[in-house]
C-alpha atoms as a PDB file:
ATOM      1  CA  ASP A   1     -10.161-105.191-121.927  1.00  0.00           C
ATOM      2  CA  GLY A   2      -6.932-107.151-122.178  1.00  0.00           C
ATOM      3  CA  ASN A   3      -5.455-105.818-118.826  1.00  0.00           C
ATOM      4  CA  PHE A   4      -4.416-107.806-115.811  1.00  0.00           C
ATOM      5  CA  HIS A   5      -6.070-106.577-112.557  1.00  0.00           C
ATOM      6  CA  GLU A   6      -5.184-108.095-109.209  1.00  0.00           C
ATOM      7  CA  LEU A   7      -7.745-107.772-106.413  1.00  0.00           C
ATOM      8  CA  TYR A   8      -7.401-109.440-103.091  1.00  0.00           C
ATOM      9  CA  SER A   9     -10.537-110.152-100.988  1.00  0.00           C
ATOM     10  CA  GLY A  10      -9.852-112.984 -98.769  1.00  0.00           C
ATOM     11  CA  ILE A  11     -12.383-115.050-100.791  1.00  0.00           C
ATOM     12  CA  SER A  12     -11.128-118.213-102.447  1.00  0.00           C
ATOM     13  CA  THR A  13     -12.558-119.593-105.717  1.00  0.00           C
ATOM     14  CA  GLU A  14     -13.419-123.221-106.705  1.00  0.00           C
ATOM     15  CA  VAL A  15     -13.865-123.883-110.342  1.00  0.00           C
ATOM     16  CA  GLN A  16     -17.040-125.884-110.859  1.00  0.00           C
ATOM     17  CA  THR A  17     -17.142-126.585-114.662  1.00  0.00           C
ATOM     18  CA  LEU A  18     -14.260-126.596-117.066  1.00  0.00           C
ATOM     19  CA  PRO A  19     -14.124-124.538-120.361  1.00  0.00           C
ATOM     20  CA  ALA A  20     -14.977-126.688-123.438  1.00  0.00           C
ATOM     21  CA  CYS A  21     -12.504-125.145-125.795  1.00  0.00           C
ATOM     22  CA  GLY A  22      -9.543-124.445-123.647  1.00  0.00           C
ATOM     23  CA  ARG A  23      -7.499-125.417-120.574  1.00  0.00           C
ATOM     24  CA  LEU A  24      -7.438-123.778-116.989  1.00  0.00           C
ATOM     25  CA  TYR A  25      -4.303-123.484-114.990  1.00  0.00           C
ATOM     26  CA  LYS A  26      -3.683-122.030-111.527  1.00  0.00           C
ATOM     27  CA  VAL A  27      -0.978-119.275-111.269  1.00  0.00           C
ATOM     28  CA  LEU A  28       0.567-118.682-107.924  1.00  0.00           C
ATOM     29  CA  SER A  29       1.273-115.269-106.414  1.00  0.00           C
ATOM     30  CA  ASP A  30       4.878-115.509-107.573  1.00  0.00           C
ATOM     31  CA  GLY A  31       3.747-116.004-111.235  1.00  0.00           C
ATOM     32  CA  VAL A  32       4.474-119.558-111.410  1.00  0.00           C
ATOM     33  CA  THR A  33       1.961-121.631-113.437  1.00  0.00           C
ATOM     34  CA  THR A  34       0.966-124.854-111.772  1.00  0.00           C
ATOM     35  CA  GLU A  35      -0.905-127.833-112.786  1.00  0.00           C
ATOM     36  CA  GLU A  36      -4.005-128.026-115.010  1.00  0.00           C
ATOM     37  CA  ILE A  37      -7.415-127.943-113.433  1.00  0.00           C
ATOM     38  CA  VAL A  38      -8.747-131.284-114.701  1.00  0.00           C
ATOM     39  CA  ALA A  39     -12.052-133.042-115.001  1.00  0.00           C
ATOM     40  CA  ALA A  40     -13.510-134.793-111.901  1.00  0.00           C
ATOM     41  CA  GLY A  41     -12.731-138.494-111.466  1.00  0.00           C
ATOM     42  CA  ASP A  42     -14.650-140.709-113.851  1.00  0.00           C
ATOM     43  CA  VAL A  43     -15.829-137.695-116.173  1.00  0.00           C
ATOM     44  CA  GLN A  44     -14.324-138.454-119.626  1.00  0.00           C
ATOM     45  CA  ARG A  45     -14.261-135.459-122.044  1.00  0.00           C
ATOM     46  CA  LEU A  46     -15.570-136.052-125.571  1.00  0.00           C
ATOM     47  CA  ARG A  47     -13.215-136.058-128.589  1.00  0.00           C
ATOM     48  CA  ASP A  48     -15.098-133.221-130.148  1.00  0.00           C
ATOM     49  CA  ARG A  49     -15.915-131.368-127.096  1.00  0.00           C
ATOM     50  CA  CYS A  50     -15.797-127.914-128.715  1.00  0.00           C
ATOM     51  CA  THR A  51     -18.134-127.618-131.654  1.00  0.00           C
ATOM     52  CA  THR A  52     -20.224-124.601-132.721  1.00  0.00           C
ATOM     53  CA  ARG A  53     -23.435-126.426-131.831  1.00  0.00           C
ATOM     54  CA  VAL A  54     -22.631-128.295-128.599  1.00  0.00           C
ATOM     55  CA  LYS A  55     -19.880-127.339-126.032  1.00  0.00           C
ATOM     56  CA  GLU A  56     -19.058-129.730-123.272  1.00  0.00           C
ATOM     57  CA  HIS A  57     -18.474-128.164-120.063  1.00  0.00           C
ATOM     58  CA  VAL A  58     -17.457-131.007-117.633  1.00  0.00           C
ATOM     59  CA  VAL A  59     -17.287-130.780-113.897  1.00  0.00           C
ATOM     60  CA  ALA A  60     -13.974-129.923-112.460  1.00  0.00           C
ATOM     61  CA  ALA A  61     -12.009-132.115-109.978  1.00  0.00           C
ATOM     62  CA  PHE A  62     -11.441-130.599-106.419  1.00  0.00           C
ATOM     63  CA  ASN A  63      -9.456-127.343-106.779  1.00  0.00           C
ATOM     64  CA  LYS A  64      -9.064-124.294-104.625  1.00  0.00           C
ATOM     65  CA  VAL A  65      -7.809-120.872-106.084  1.00  0.00           C
ATOM     66  CA  LEU A  66      -6.612-118.873-103.166  1.00  0.00           C
ATOM     67  CA  PRO A  67      -7.072-115.123-102.961  1.00  0.00           C
ATOM     68  CA  THR A  68      -3.493-114.315-103.987  1.00  0.00           C
ATOM     69  CA  GLU A  69      -3.605-116.785-106.954  1.00  0.00           C
ATOM     70  CA  ALA A  70      -5.060-116.387-110.315  1.00  0.00           C
ATOM     71  CA  LEU A  71      -6.471-118.424-113.270  1.00  0.00           C
ATOM     72  CA  LEU A  72      -4.711-118.757-116.620  1.00  0.00           C
ATOM     73  CA  TYR A  73      -7.196-119.796-119.653  1.00  0.00           C
ATOM     74  CA  VAL A  74      -5.290-121.221-122.745  1.00  0.00           C
ATOM     75  CA  PRO A  75      -7.473-121.782-125.699  1.00  0.00           C
ATOM     76  CA  ASP A  76      -7.090-124.895-127.809  1.00  0.00           C
ATOM     77  CA  GLU A  77      -5.028-124.450-130.859  1.00  0.00           C
ATOM     78  CA  ASP A  78      -6.807-122.772-133.781  1.00  0.00           C
ATOM     79  CA  PHE A  79      -9.851-122.118-131.503  1.00  0.00           C
ATOM     80  CA  SER A  80     -11.666-118.779-131.723  1.00  0.00           C
ATOM     81  CA  GLY A  81     -15.037-117.950-130.436  1.00  0.00           C
ATOM     82  CA  GLN A  82     -16.800-118.053-127.075  1.00  0.00           C
ATOM     83  CA  ASP A  83     -16.147-120.213-124.326  1.00  0.00           C
ATOM     84  CA  ALA A  84     -16.923-120.299-120.568  1.00  0.00           C
ATOM     85  CA  PHE A  85     -16.360-121.853-117.257  1.00  0.00           C
ATOM     86  CA  THR A  86     -18.137-121.605-113.806  1.00  0.00           C
ATOM     87  CA  PHE A  87     -16.939-121.187-110.209  1.00  0.00           C
ATOM     88  CA  LYS A  88     -18.214-120.620-106.621  1.00  0.00           C
ATOM     89  CA  SER A  89     -16.746-118.338-104.173  1.00  0.00           C
ATOM     90  CA  VAL A  90     -15.642-119.857-100.797  1.00  0.00           C
ATOM     91  CA  LEU A  91     -15.326-117.604 -97.551  1.00  0.00           C
ATOM     92  CA  GLY A  92     -14.676-119.274 -94.144  1.00  0.00           C
ATOM     93  CA  GLY A  93     -15.318-122.736 -95.594  1.00  0.00           C
ATOM     94  CA  GLU A  94     -18.974-121.650 -96.720  1.00  0.00           C
ATOM     95  CA  TYR A  95     -19.717-121.844-100.484  1.00  0.00           C
ATOM     96  CA  SER A  96     -21.692-119.232-102.340  1.00  0.00           C
ATOM     97  CA  ALA A  97     -25.245-120.311-103.139  1.00  0.00           C
ATOM     98  CA  ASP A  98     -24.967-119.765-106.758  1.00  0.00           C
ATOM     99  CA  GLU A  99     -22.431-120.443-109.329  1.00  0.00           C
ATOM    100  CA  ALA A 100     -20.923-117.472-111.416  1.00  0.00           C
ATOM    101  CA  GLU A 101     -20.082-117.847-114.925  1.00  0.00           C
ATOM    102  CA  VAL A 102     -17.004-116.453-116.706  1.00  0.00           C
ATOM    103  CA  LYS A 103     -17.465-115.874-120.362  1.00  0.00           C
ATOM    104  CA  LEU A 104     -14.463-115.726-122.740  1.00  0.00           C
ATOM    105  CA  VAL A 105     -14.120-114.555-126.230  1.00  0.00           C
ATOM    106  CA  VAL A 106     -11.085-115.788-128.036  1.00  0.00           C
ATOM    107  CA  LYS A 107     -10.122-113.499-131.058  1.00  0.00           C
ATOM    108  CA  PRO A 108      -8.590-115.200-134.122  1.00  0.00           C
ATOM    109  CA  CYS A 109      -4.987-113.939-134.367  1.00  0.00           C
ATOM    110  CA  ARG A 110      -2.870-114.143-137.388  1.00  0.00           C
ATOM    111  CA  GLU A 111       0.848-114.070-137.995  1.00  0.00           C
ATOM    112  CA  GLN A 112       2.293-110.786-139.256  1.00  0.00           C
ATOM    113  CA  ILE A 113       1.979-110.366-142.953  1.00  0.00           C
ATOM    114  CA  CYS A 114       5.118-109.420-144.713  1.00  0.00           C
ATOM    115  CA  THR A 115       5.794-108.088-148.178  1.00  0.00           C
ATOM    116  CA  ARG A 116       9.077-107.831-149.951  1.00  0.00           C
ATOM    117  CA  THR A 117      10.095-105.246-152.477  1.00  0.00           C
ATOM    118  CA  VAL A 118      13.480-105.152-154.194  1.00  0.00           C
ATOM    119  CA  ASP A 119      15.418-104.608-151.021  1.00  0.00           C
ATOM    120  CA  THR A 120      12.755-103.907-148.340  1.00  0.00           C
ATOM    121  CA  ILE A 121      10.738-106.150-146.332  1.00  0.00           C
ATOM    122  CA  SER A 122       7.789-104.570-144.542  1.00  0.00           C
ATOM    123  CA  CYS A 123       5.473-106.244-142.008  1.00  0.00           C
ATOM    124  CA  TYR A 124       2.288-105.478-140.385  1.00  0.00           C
ATOM    125  CA  ASN A 125      -0.125-107.179-137.972  1.00  0.00           C
ATOM    126  CA  PRO A 126      -3.557-107.333-139.841  1.00  0.00           C
ATOM    127  CA  GLU A 127      -5.335-107.546-136.349  1.00  0.00           C
ATOM    128  CA  PRO A 128      -3.337-104.909-134.101  1.00  0.00           C
ATOM    129  CA  ASP A 129      -5.824-105.639-131.179  1.00  0.00           C
ATOM    130  CA  CYS A 130      -4.485-109.224-130.776  1.00  0.00           C
ATOM    131  CA  ASP A 131      -2.027-109.506-127.980  1.00  0.00           C
ATOM    132  CA  VAL A 132      -0.680-113.073-127.904  1.00  0.00           C
ATOM    133  CA  THR A 133       0.635-113.379-124.433  1.00  0.00           C
ATOM    134  CA  ASN A 134       0.364-115.964-121.612  1.00  0.00           C
ATOM    135  CA  GLU A 135      -0.566-113.611-118.987  1.00  0.00           C
ATOM    136  CA  PRO A 136      -3.359-114.520-116.686  1.00  0.00           C
ATOM    137  CA  TYR A 137      -6.403-112.201-116.987  1.00  0.00           C
END
């Protein structure tokens, strides 16, 4: 819904697979974005990892997202469509039995369209529901 919700439960999260068409970053409780969560050791991402037919979701390197932290998803430039990543919950050192999947829908956003008449410039956003921010969701 485009809103940022903060819920603290004491449960940490560990990203299991990375999104195919974007990047994941940890965001600390003070709002500072830290390092990108990357692929595990020897895993090499394919060059065309994000296509309409096959999307490559590689295993993530060790990471831990604390209850007071958030994840920031940044889609690849010019990407629109569906993407996903998986995670497991961690409570007291015990991992959840199943992975959960976060599904993302990236909408195509365009620049404002401006027209000029004799001495007036008017602009409008053709997709008013597109909010281009770098806030974690």
